[in-house]
């Protein structure tokens, strides 16, 4: 399994390490690992993955989640995080583009 590493500070997401040669169409192969800043510690966290109209919400546990197979068939997918404390206390990160190759 390949791990894509990110640093998350507040609402900013930064790629860490090598993001080359991510091959589109791979299934059950990609996971994301997030190094989260302190403001995330009291929130439940979900990753939101999107490719065109396909949107998947995946729970992040211990800073890690799998990339859903439904978003890996294109040239890219989008990723952002959602932190939820209550129905009226939540926040998102910026959206980051992850490119994939043939």
Protein backbone atom coordinates (compact mmCIF):
# COMPACT_ATOMS: atom_id res chain seq x y z
CA UNK A 1 0.00 0.00 0.00
CA UNK A 2 1.28 3.46 -0.87
CA UNK A 3 0.95 6.22 1.70
CA UNK A 4 0.48 9.86 0.73
CA UNK A 5 1.68 12.11 3.56
CA UNK A 6 0.24 15.52 4.38
CA UNK A 7 0.91 18.18 6.98
CA UNK A 8 -2.22 19.98 8.19
CA UNK A 9 -1.94 23.27 10.04
CA UNK A 10 -5.30 24.91 10.71
CA UNK A 11 -7.03 25.04 7.35
CA UNK A 12 -3.88 24.57 5.25
CA UNK A 13 -2.90 21.19 3.79
CA UNK A 14 0.63 20.65 2.46
CA UNK A 15 1.99 17.62 0.58
CA UNK A 16 4.98 15.98 2.28
CA UNK A 17 7.29 13.77 0.24
CA UNK A 18 6.97 12.27 -3.22
CA UNK A 19 3.66 12.55 -5.04
CA UNK A 20 4.95 11.41 -8.43
CA UNK A 21 3.88 8.23 -10.20
CA UNK A 22 0.45 7.90 -8.62
CA UNK A 23 -1.15 5.61 -11.20
CA UNK A 24 -4.84 6.10 -11.94
CA UNK A 25 -7.14 3.11 -11.67
CA UNK A 26 -5.31 1.53 -8.72
CA UNK A 27 -7.76 -0.02 -6.26
CA UNK A 28 -7.26 -0.65 -2.54
CA UNK A 29 -3.72 0.71 -2.83
CA UNK A 30 -3.63 4.33 -1.63
CA UNK A 31 -3.92 5.69 1.87
CA UNK A 32 -3.44 9.16 3.31
CA UNK A 33 -1.60 10.00 6.52
CA UNK A 34 -2.13 13.40 8.10
CA UNK A 35 0.19 15.12 10.56
CA UNK A 36 -2.40 17.34 12.25
CA UNK A 37 -1.76 20.54 14.19
CA UNK A 38 -3.09 20.96 17.74
CA UNK A 39 -6.38 22.63 16.80
CA UNK A 40 -7.58 19.31 15.33
CA UNK A 41 -7.23 17.32 18.58
CA UNK A 42 -10.78 17.89 19.87
CA UNK A 43 -12.52 17.29 16.52
CA UNK A 44 -13.76 14.18 14.76
CA UNK A 45 -12.08 14.19 11.36
CA UNK A 46 -13.21 13.07 7.93
CA UNK A 47 -11.49 13.29 4.57
CA UNK A 48 -13.62 14.36 1.64
CA UNK A 49 -12.46 12.92 -1.69
CA UNK A 50 -13.91 14.05 -4.99
CA UNK A 51 -13.54 13.18 -8.66
CA UNK A 52 -16.01 15.03 -10.89
CA UNK A 53 -19.48 14.34 -9.40
CA UNK A 54 -18.29 11.43 -7.23
CA UNK A 55 -17.85 12.57 -3.60
CA UNK A 56 -16.80 10.23 -0.77
CA UNK A 57 -16.57 11.03 2.93
CA UNK A 58 -14.08 8.80 4.80
CA UNK A 59 -13.44 8.82 8.55
CA UNK A 60 -9.84 9.58 9.54
CA UNK A 61 -8.64 7.42 12.42
CA UNK A 62 -5.29 8.03 14.11
CA UNK A 63 -4.44 10.41 11.28
CA UNK A 64 -4.90 7.77 8.55
CA UNK A 65 -7.58 6.87 6.00
CA UNK A 66 -7.82 4.92 2.76
CA UNK A 67 -8.44 6.64 -0.56
CA UNK A 68 -11.78 5.33 -1.86
CA UNK A 69 -11.58 3.32 -5.08
CA UNK A 70 -14.41 5.40 -6.56
CA UNK A 71 -12.13 8.44 -7.05
CA UNK A 72 -9.00 6.77 -8.46
CA UNK A 73 -10.01 6.28 -12.11
CA UNK A 74 -9.32 9.82 -13.36
CA UNK A 75 -6.31 12.01 -13.96
CA UNK A 76 -6.77 13.58 -10.52
CA UNK A 77 -8.83 13.63 -7.38
CA UNK A 78 -9.51 16.40 -4.88
CA UNK A 79 -9.04 16.16 -1.13
CA UNK A 80 -10.03 18.30 1.85
CA UNK A 81 -10.54 17.59 5.54
CA UNK A 82 -13.56 18.26 7.70
CA UNK A 83 -13.28 18.69 11.46
CA UNK A 84 -16.54 18.32 13.42
CA UNK A 85 -17.09 19.07 17.10
CA UNK A 86 -20.88 19.56 17.01
CA UNK A 87 -23.71 20.33 14.58
CA UNK A 88 -22.80 24.01 14.64
CA UNK A 89 -19.06 23.80 15.26
CA UNK A 90 -17.01 22.49 12.35
CA UNK A 91 -14.45 23.61 9.80
CA UNK A 92 -12.83 22.57 6.50
CA UNK A 93 -9.35 22.76 5.08
CA UNK A 94 -8.59 24.12 1.68
CA UNK A 95 -9.00 21.68 -1.21
CA UNK A 96 -5.85 20.10 -2.61
CA UNK A 97 -5.42 18.50 -6.05
CA UNK A 98 -3.77 15.07 -6.30
CA UNK A 99 -2.71 14.25 -9.86
CA UNK A 100 -2.57 10.70 -11.22
CA UNK A 101 -0.80 9.27 -14.26
CA UNK A 102 -1.58 6.60 -16.83
